Amino acid sequence: GSHDSFSYWVDDKSPVGPDQAKAIKRLARISLVRKIIKKWSVTQNLTFKEQLEGGIRYFDLRVSSKPGEIGQEIYFIHGLFGIKVWDGLKEMNSFLEQHPKEVIFLDFNHFYAMDDSHHHFLINRILSAFESKLCCVECVEYVTLLYMWEKKHQVLIFYHHPLYQEYPFLWPGNKIPAPWANTTNVHKLLQFLETTLGERSRYGTFHVSQAILTPRVKTIARHLVSGLKNTLVHRNLPMILNWVKEQKPGVMGVNIITSDFVELVDFAATVIALNDLLLEEDESAT
């Protein structure tokens, strides 16, 4: 999985988003400030298509309307506005059309400046984009690749808003917990990942290990120009990747792992290779 999957492009010419504090909104009237926000808002370099081609299958999504804009268009957002959600969904669907055995998870977990009418608009966009590819809510343990292939389903949508109850193809957010370490310290992060894996539910949910470091205000203040990638990610990714390599998948093991800048190390390939351990278990059992 990728963290803030859509943030490969954000618009530093538009106002900052409603996910930001009032003080930052005031400061961001200065174009230089918006350029700095962009350096800290971008967590991925690859487009959706490039991420999919690189093996990413879980997408972490935050969305918002544009306050003051006529209509109900919804955009991706992380500090600054990204592309229209509709354009991202179409890009993903195009990949799925060409790869009918691939399955993706779309986790809509933060909503800003959206009332019920915005939500219904977005949900109808999701339905229009994927139609019969959408997998309705089911017991998690039933949802194997074989199950998906037989039903010709390719998309699981997680929707962290009460309106999920009105649509059979929207999975509730509590089916995919994604505990967040909220630290700049890689050792604390790895300790947190270990602890939350030990606490994960044995059955009934998917589980996301967020292998990401989060800048604090003072981190940004000290490294204004260098940005997230040069300040936190480059230096710590090798240690994070070593942790991934040591994991085991399966019950009480890792399930989905997310990272910033997924192309900087062999992140996707390393996570995917963990599945070989499951195959080895099956072979030894038979």
Protein backbone atom coordinates (compact mmCIF):
# COMPACT_ATOMS: atom_id res chain seq x y z
CA GLY A 1 0.00 0.00 0.00
CA SER A 2 0.92 3.66 -0.40
CA HIS A 3 0.32 6.44 2.15
CA ASP A 4 -1.59 9.52 0.89
CA SER A 5 -1.56 7.67 -2.41
CA PHE A 6 -2.85 10.59 -4.51
CA SER A 7 -0.32 13.21 -3.37
CA TYR A 8 2.03 12.83 -6.36
CA TRP A 9 0.35 16.00 -7.68
CA VAL A 10 -0.98 18.82 -5.53
CA ASP A 11 -1.87 22.31 -6.69
CA ASP A 12 0.32 24.98 -5.09
CA LYS A 13 -1.57 27.67 -7.01
CA SER A 14 -4.90 26.94 -5.30
CA PRO A 15 -5.79 27.93 -1.72
CA VAL A 16 -4.79 25.42 0.97
CA GLY A 17 -7.43 22.88 1.85
CA PRO A 18 -9.98 22.75 4.67
CA ASP A 19 -7.81 20.08 6.33
CA GLN A 20 -5.41 22.83 7.47
CA ALA A 21 -5.45 25.09 10.55
CA LYS A 22 -6.64 28.72 10.24
CA ALA A 23 -3.13 30.08 10.87
CA ILE A 24 -1.72 28.07 7.96
CA LYS A 25 -4.59 29.18 5.70
CA ARG A 26 -3.71 32.82 6.46
CA LEU A 27 0.01 32.27 5.85
CA ALA A 28 -0.70 30.37 2.65
CA ARG A 29 -1.90 33.51 0.93
CA ILE A 30 1.82 33.94 0.24
CA SER A 31 2.79 31.79 -2.75
CA LEU A 32 6.19 30.88 -1.24
CA VAL A 33 4.39 29.38 1.79
CA ARG A 34 2.25 27.23 -0.55
CA LYS A 35 5.44 25.97 -2.21
CA ILE A 36 6.77 24.93 1.22
CA ILE A 37 3.46 23.23 2.07
CA LYS A 38 3.76 21.32 -1.20
CA LYS A 39 7.21 19.99 -0.22
CA TRP A 40 5.67 18.53 2.94
CA SER A 41 2.35 17.43 1.41
CA VAL A 42 3.77 15.25 -1.37
CA THR A 43 4.35 11.71 -0.07
CA GLN A 44 4.42 9.86 -3.42
CA ASN A 45 6.17 10.44 -6.75
CA LEU A 46 4.25 7.90 -8.84
CA THR A 47 0.81 8.32 -10.43
CA PHE A 48 -1.95 5.81 -9.66
CA LYS A 49 -1.15 3.95 -12.87
CA GLU A 50 2.58 3.82 -12.05
CA GLN A 51 1.86 2.68 -8.49
CA LEU A 52 -0.41 -0.08 -9.79
CA GLU A 53 2.22 -1.19 -12.30
CA GLY A 54 4.76 -1.24 -9.44
CA GLY A 55 2.62 -3.62 -7.36
CA ILE A 56 0.71 -1.25 -5.05
CA ARG A 57 -2.81 -2.55 -4.34
CA TYR A 58 -3.97 -0.55 -1.28
CA PHE A 59 -4.62 3.19 -1.65
CA ASP A 60 -4.98 5.61 1.27
CA LEU A 61 -7.39 8.38 0.21
CA ARG A 62 -8.40 11.75 1.69
CA VAL A 63 -11.02 13.78 -0.12
CA SER A 64 -12.70 17.18 0.00
CA SER A 65 -15.03 19.52 -1.82
CA LYS A 66 -13.62 22.94 -2.78
CA PRO A 67 -15.43 25.45 -0.56
CA GLY A 68 -16.92 28.20 -2.68
CA GLU A 69 -16.87 26.14 -5.89
CA ILE A 70 -20.21 25.67 -7.65
CA GLY A 71 -21.29 22.03 -7.94
CA GLN A 72 -20.30 19.00 -5.88
CA GLU A 73 -16.98 17.97 -7.43
CA ILE A 74 -14.71 16.10 -5.01
CA TYR A 75 -10.90 16.31 -5.00
CA PHE A 76 -8.09 14.44 -3.30
CA ILE A 77 -6.49 16.55 -0.59
CA HIS A 78 -3.38 16.66 1.60
CA GLY A 79 -2.67 20.22 2.65
CA LEU A 80 -3.27 21.29 -0.94
CA PHE A 81 -5.86 20.08 -3.44
CA GLY A 82 -4.95 17.20 -5.75
CA ILE A 83 -6.68 15.88 -8.85
CA LYS A 84 -10.42 15.21 -9.12
CA VAL A 85 -11.35 11.91 -7.50
CA TRP A 86 -13.24 10.97 -10.66
CA ASP A 87 -10.06 11.22 -12.76
CA GLY A 88 -8.20 8.98 -10.29
CA LEU A 89 -10.97 6.37 -10.27
CA LYS A 90 -11.03 6.25 -14.07
CA GLU A 91 -7.25 5.78 -14.16
CA MET A 92 -7.51 2.84 -11.75
CA ASN A 93 -10.43 1.29 -13.60
CA SER A 94 -8.48 1.44 -16.85
CA PHE A 95 -5.72 -0.65 -15.21
CA LEU A 96 -8.28 -3.15 -13.87
CA GLU A 97 -9.86 -3.52 -17.32
CA GLN A 98 -6.48 -4.60 -18.66
CA HIS A 99 -5.72 -6.86 -15.65
CA PRO A 100 -8.95 -8.70 -14.76
CA LYS A 101 -7.35 -10.81 -12.01
CA GLU A 102 -5.97 -7.86 -10.03
CA VAL A 103 -7.74 -6.64 -6.86
CA ILE A 104 -7.42 -3.20 -5.25
CA PHE A 105 -8.40 -1.71 -1.88
CA LEU A 106 -9.54 1.93 -1.81
CA ASP A 107 -9.63 3.36 1.71
CA PHE A 108 -11.59 6.64 1.90
CA ASN A 109 -10.67 7.57 5.46
CA HIS A 110 -10.74 11.38 5.70
CA PHE A 111 -13.49 13.68 4.40
CA TYR A 112 -13.40 17.50 4.49
CA ALA A 113 -16.03 20.14 3.70
CA MET A 114 -18.54 17.47 2.67
CA ASP A 115 -22.23 17.24 3.55
CA ASP A 116 -24.48 14.27 2.71
CA SER A 117 -25.11 15.52 -0.84
CA HIS A 118 -21.33 15.58 -1.49
CA HIS A 119 -21.06 12.04 -0.12
CA HIS A 120 -23.88 10.75 -2.35
CA PHE A 121 -22.22 12.45 -5.34
CA LEU A 122 -18.88 10.76 -4.54
CA ILE A 123 -20.45 7.35 -3.90
CA ASN A 124 -22.27 7.52 -7.24
CA ARG A 125 -18.94 8.37 -8.89
CA ILE A 126 -17.41 5.26 -7.32
CA LEU A 127 -20.32 3.16 -8.58
CA SER A 128 -20.07 4.67 -12.08
CA ALA A 129 -16.32 4.02 -12.26
CA PHE A 130 -16.29 0.38 -11.16
CA GLU A 131 -19.88 -0.97 -11.48
CA SER A 132 -19.90 -4.79 -11.18
CA LYS A 133 -16.21 -4.84 -10.12
CA LEU A 134 -17.26 -3.68 -6.63
CA CYS A 135 -17.19 -6.36 -3.95
CA CYS A 136 -20.10 -6.12 -1.48
CA VAL A 137 -19.46 -6.42 2.25
CA GLU A 138 -18.79 -10.02 3.22
CA CYS A 139 -17.12 -11.96 6.02
CA VAL A 140 -13.45 -10.98 5.62
CA GLU A 141 -12.25 -14.59 5.74
CA TYR A 142 -14.40 -15.46 2.71
CA VAL A 143 -12.76 -12.83 0.51
CA THR A 144 -10.01 -14.87 -1.13
CA LEU A 145 -8.62 -14.21 -4.59
CA LEU A 146 -10.58 -17.24 -5.80
CA TYR A 147 -13.79 -15.72 -4.40
CA MET A 148 -13.04 -12.42 -6.18
CA TRP A 149 -12.21 -14.11 -9.48
CA GLU A 150 -15.34 -16.27 -9.45
CA LYS A 151 -17.54 -13.22 -8.88
CA LYS A 152 -15.46 -11.02 -11.23
CA HIS A 153 -14.97 -8.50 -8.41
CA GLN A 154 -11.82 -6.37 -8.32
CA VAL A 155 -12.45 -3.48 -5.91
CA LEU A 156 -13.05 -3.21 -2.17
CA ILE A 157 -14.13 0.26 -1.02
CA PHE A 158 -13.70 1.22 2.63
CA TYR A 159 -15.75 4.28 3.59
CA HIS A 160 -15.19 5.86 7.01
CA HIS A 161 -18.55 7.62 7.26
CA PRO A 162 -21.97 6.45 8.56
CA LEU A 163 -23.41 6.59 5.02
CA TYR A 164 -21.62 3.30 4.28
CA GLN A 165 -24.71 1.67 5.80
CA GLU A 166 -26.85 2.72 2.84
CA TYR A 167 -24.72 1.00 0.19
CA PRO A 168 -23.91 -2.74 0.15
CA PHE A 169 -20.58 -2.17 -1.65
CA LEU A 170 -19.17 0.20 1.00
CA TRP A 171 -17.17 -1.56 3.70
CA PRO A 172 -17.12 0.17 7.11
CA GLY A 173 -13.86 1.72 8.26
CA ASN A 174 -13.69 -0.60 11.28
CA LYS A 175 -13.05 -3.50 8.88
CA ILE A 176 -9.63 -2.04 8.07
CA PRO A 177 -7.96 -0.53 11.15
CA ALA A 178 -4.78 1.42 10.38
CA PRO A 179 -3.14 2.48 13.66
CA TRP A 180 -0.87 5.52 13.29
CA ALA A 181 2.39 5.97 15.22
CA ASN A 182 2.56 9.77 14.76
CA THR A 183 6.31 9.97 15.39
CA THR A 184 9.48 11.23 13.69
CA ASN A 185 11.59 8.57 15.45
CA VAL A 186 12.14 5.39 13.42
CA HIS A 187 12.81 3.27 16.55
CA LYS A 188 9.52 4.38 18.13
CA LEU A 189 7.77 3.67 14.83
CA LEU A 190 9.08 0.10 14.65
CA GLN A 191 8.17 -0.50 18.29
CA PHE A 192 4.66 0.81 17.59
CA LEU A 193 4.30 -1.46 14.54
CA GLU A 194 5.30 -4.48 16.64
CA THR A 195 2.87 -3.57 19.44
CA THR A 196 -0.11 -2.96 17.15
CA LEU A 197 0.51 -6.19 15.27
CA GLY A 198 0.40 -8.00 18.60
CA GLU A 199 -2.95 -6.35 19.36
CA ARG A 200 -4.59 -6.86 15.98
CA SER A 201 -7.87 -8.73 15.73
CA ARG A 202 -7.39 -12.42 15.00
CA TYR A 203 -10.41 -12.60 12.67
CA GLY A 204 -12.91 -10.38 10.92
CA THR A 205 -10.84 -7.43 9.72
CA PHE A 206 -8.06 -6.49 7.37
CA HIS A 207 -5.17 -4.62 9.01
CA VAL A 208 -2.87 -1.82 7.84
CA SER A 209 0.63 -1.32 9.25
CA GLN A 210 1.51 2.32 8.51
CA ALA A 211 5.30 2.20 8.13
CA ILE A 212 5.52 6.00 7.93
CA LEU A 213 7.13 8.81 9.90
CA THR A 214 5.13 11.97 10.55
CA PRO A 215 6.79 15.41 10.70
CA ARG A 216 6.00 17.69 13.62
CA VAL A 217 5.72 21.48 13.29
CA LYS A 218 9.29 21.93 14.59
CA THR A 219 10.56 19.32 12.07
CA ILE A 220 9.07 21.38 9.26
CA ALA A 221 10.36 24.65 10.76
CA ARG A 222 13.94 23.30 10.94
CA HIS A 223 13.93 21.84 7.44
CA LEU A 224 11.58 24.18 5.57
CA VAL A 225 13.15 23.84 2.16
CA SER A 226 14.27 20.22 2.18
CA GLY A 227 10.76 18.71 2.51
CA LEU A 228 9.51 15.37 3.76
CA LYS A 229 11.45 13.08 1.44
CA ASN A 230 14.89 14.53 2.15
CA THR A 231 14.32 15.11 5.87
CA LEU A 232 12.63 11.92 7.09
CA VAL A 233 12.09 9.36 4.35
CA HIS A 234 15.45 8.86 2.59
CA ARG A 235 17.37 8.37 5.82
CA ASN A 236 14.94 5.96 7.50
CA LEU A 237 13.51 3.84 4.68
CA PRO A 238 16.30 1.22 4.80
CA MET A 239 15.56 0.49 8.49
CA ILE A 240 11.83 0.33 7.81
CA LEU A 241 12.42 -2.03 4.90
CA ASN A 242 14.55 -4.29 7.11
CA TRP A 243 11.62 -4.51 9.54
CA VAL A 244 9.30 -5.48 6.66
CA LYS A 245 11.69 -8.24 5.57
CA GLU A 246 11.55 -9.78 9.04
CA GLN A 247 7.73 -10.01 9.11
CA LYS A 248 5.46 -13.00 8.57
CA PRO A 249 2.02 -12.73 6.95
CA GLY A 250 -1.12 -14.54 8.04
CA VAL A 251 -3.17 -14.57 11.25
CA MET A 252 -1.63 -12.09 13.74
CA GLY A 253 1.08 -11.28 11.19
CA VAL A 254 1.31 -8.40 8.73
CA ASN A 255 -1.51 -7.89 6.23
CA ILE A 256 -1.25 -4.56 4.39
CA ILE A 257 1.84 -2.34 4.80
CA THR A 258 1.95 1.28 3.64
CA SER A 259 4.91 3.55 2.94
CA ASP A 260 5.77 6.99 1.61
CA PHE A 261 7.59 7.21 -1.75
CA VAL A 262 7.05 3.54 -2.52
CA GLU A 263 9.54 3.53 -5.40
CA LEU A 264 12.60 4.65 -3.40
CA VAL A 265 13.44 1.11 -2.24
CA ASP A 266 12.11 -2.27 -3.35
CA PHE A 267 9.13 -1.72 -1.09
CA ALA A 268 6.32 -3.37 -3.07
CA ALA A 269 8.49 -6.31 -4.17
CA THR A 270 9.61 -6.88 -0.56
CA VAL A 271 6.04 -6.89 0.79
CA ILE A 272 4.77 -9.11 -2.04
CA ALA A 273 7.63 -11.59 -1.43
CA LEU A 274 6.29 -12.19 2.10
CA ASN A 275 3.44 -14.16 0.48
CA ASP A 276 5.98 -16.84 -0.42
CA LEU A 277 6.14 -17.68 3.30
CA LEU A 278 2.43 -18.55 3.20
CA LEU A 279 3.01 -20.79 0.19
CA GLU A 280 5.85 -22.56 2.02
CA GLU A 281 3.52 -23.16 5.00
CA ASP A 282 0.86 -24.64 2.68
CA GLU A 283 3.40 -26.94 1.06
CA SER A 284 4.78 -28.16 4.39
CA ALA A 285 1.22 -28.76 5.65
CA THR A 286 0.42 -30.96 2.64
